Protein backbone atom coordinates (compact mmCIF):
# COMPACT_ATOMS: atom_id res chain seq x y z
CA MET A 1 1.09 23.36 29.48
CA THR A 2 -0.19 24.96 32.66
CA ILE A 3 -2.21 28.18 32.52
CA PRO A 4 -2.52 30.21 35.75
CA ILE A 5 -5.84 31.97 36.36
CA THR A 6 -7.19 34.05 39.22
CA TYR A 7 -9.51 32.70 41.89
CA THR A 8 -12.33 34.93 40.71
CA LYS A 9 -11.92 33.79 37.09
CA ALA A 10 -12.10 30.17 38.29
CA VAL A 11 -15.27 30.78 40.30
CA LEU A 12 -17.09 33.08 37.87
CA GLY A 13 -15.73 31.80 34.55
CA GLY A 14 -14.65 34.00 31.66
CA GLU A 15 -12.14 34.34 28.87
CA ILE A 16 -8.44 33.62 29.13
CA VAL A 17 -5.66 33.93 26.56
CA VAL A 18 -3.79 30.72 25.75
CA PRO A 19 -0.36 30.91 24.06
CA LEU A 20 -0.12 28.50 21.14
CA ILE A 21 2.85 26.50 19.89
CA ASP A 22 3.33 28.71 16.81
CA GLY A 23 3.70 31.82 19.01
CA SER A 24 0.19 33.15 18.44
CA LYS A 25 -2.49 33.38 21.11
CA GLU A 26 -6.09 32.23 21.25
CA LYS A 27 -8.96 33.29 23.48
CA TYR A 28 -10.62 30.43 25.33
CA LYS A 29 -13.73 30.50 27.51
CA ILE A 30 -13.33 28.94 30.95
CA LYS A 31 -16.55 27.66 32.54
CA GLU A 32 -17.56 28.84 35.99
CA GLY A 33 -16.58 26.56 38.85
CA THR A 34 -13.27 25.57 37.24
CA LYS A 35 -10.93 23.75 39.62
CA SER A 36 -7.15 23.67 39.75
CA GLY A 37 -6.03 20.70 37.67
CA ASP A 38 -8.96 20.83 35.22
CA LYS A 39 -7.80 19.91 31.73
CA TYR A 40 -8.92 21.67 28.53
CA ARG A 41 -8.33 20.99 24.84
CA ILE A 42 -8.08 23.22 21.79
CA ARG A 43 -8.56 21.10 18.69
CA GLU A 44 -5.95 21.14 15.93
CA LYS A 45 -3.69 23.72 17.62
CA GLY A 46 -0.99 21.32 18.83
CA PHE A 47 2.06 19.87 17.08
CA ASN A 48 1.93 18.53 13.52
CA ASN A 49 1.70 14.75 13.29
CA VAL A 50 4.92 13.17 12.06
CA ASN A 51 3.47 11.27 9.09
CA SER A 52 0.86 13.78 7.92
CA ASP A 53 -0.03 17.46 7.70
CA HIS A 54 -2.71 17.03 10.36
CA ARG A 55 -2.18 19.02 13.56
CA GLY A 56 -2.80 17.44 16.92
CA ASP A 57 -4.75 18.95 19.78
CA LEU A 58 -3.30 21.34 22.35
CA TYR A 59 -4.04 20.44 25.97
CA PHE A 60 -3.63 22.75 28.94
CA VAL A 61 -4.22 22.44 32.66
CA ILE A 62 -5.60 25.15 34.92
CA ASP A 63 -3.64 26.31 37.94
CA ILE A 64 -5.49 28.70 40.26
CA ASP A 65 -3.19 31.48 41.40
CA ILE A 66 -4.00 32.23 45.05
CA PRO A 67 -2.75 35.66 46.17
CA LYS A 68 -0.30 35.70 49.06
CA LYS A 69 -1.36 39.16 50.26
CA LEU A 70 -4.76 40.79 50.20
CA SER A 71 -5.79 44.37 50.72
CA ASN A 72 -8.09 45.03 53.68
CA LYS A 73 -11.02 45.45 51.29
CA GLN A 74 -10.27 42.16 49.48
CA ARG A 75 -10.03 40.30 52.80
CA GLU A 76 -13.26 41.88 54.01
CA LEU A 77 -15.08 40.80 50.83
CA LEU A 78 -13.75 37.22 51.07
CA GLU A 79 -14.75 37.02 54.74
CA GLU A 80 -18.24 38.21 53.81
CA LEU A 81 -18.43 35.52 51.11
CA ALA A 82 -17.26 32.87 53.57
CA LYS A 83 -19.99 33.89 56.03
CA THR A 84 -22.68 33.56 53.34
CA MET A 85 -21.40 30.04 52.67
CA GLY A 86 -21.55 29.10 56.37
CA GLU A 87 -17.80 28.84 56.81
CA ASP A 88 -15.90 29.63 60.00
CA ILE A 89 -13.50 32.51 59.57
CA PRO A 90 -10.18 32.10 61.37
CA PRO A 91 -9.07 35.05 63.48
CA ARG A 92 -6.67 37.37 61.71
CA ARG A 93 -3.04 36.86 62.70
CA LYS A 94 -1.39 39.83 64.29
CA SER A 95 1.90 41.12 63.00
CA PHE A 96 5.00 41.48 65.16
CA ILE A 97 4.40 45.24 65.35
CA ASP A 98 0.75 44.75 66.42
CA ASN A 99 1.89 42.50 69.26
CA LEU A 100 4.34 45.15 70.50
CA PHE A 101 1.62 47.74 71.01
CA GLU A 102 -0.90 45.56 72.89
């Protein structure tokens, strides 16, 4: 299964809640620096094996949910982070309305 997490959770690490096959949920600690596509395993929380009572492992993949819109404060903070990392910041695109009043 794929579990979406926020960008900040991926960078800083922390706990997420993983839904299990039986309908319950389990907390799982994500390490800092997690990338989209990283694969994790929870032992003995998967499907039962066909020929025994032993349960298999549950695997899930991380998908980083990138926000489509940011508040001005969020954008400002990300731009500040980018500067500290030596990245070039692209100029902010102007909206149609902004272009009308130039």
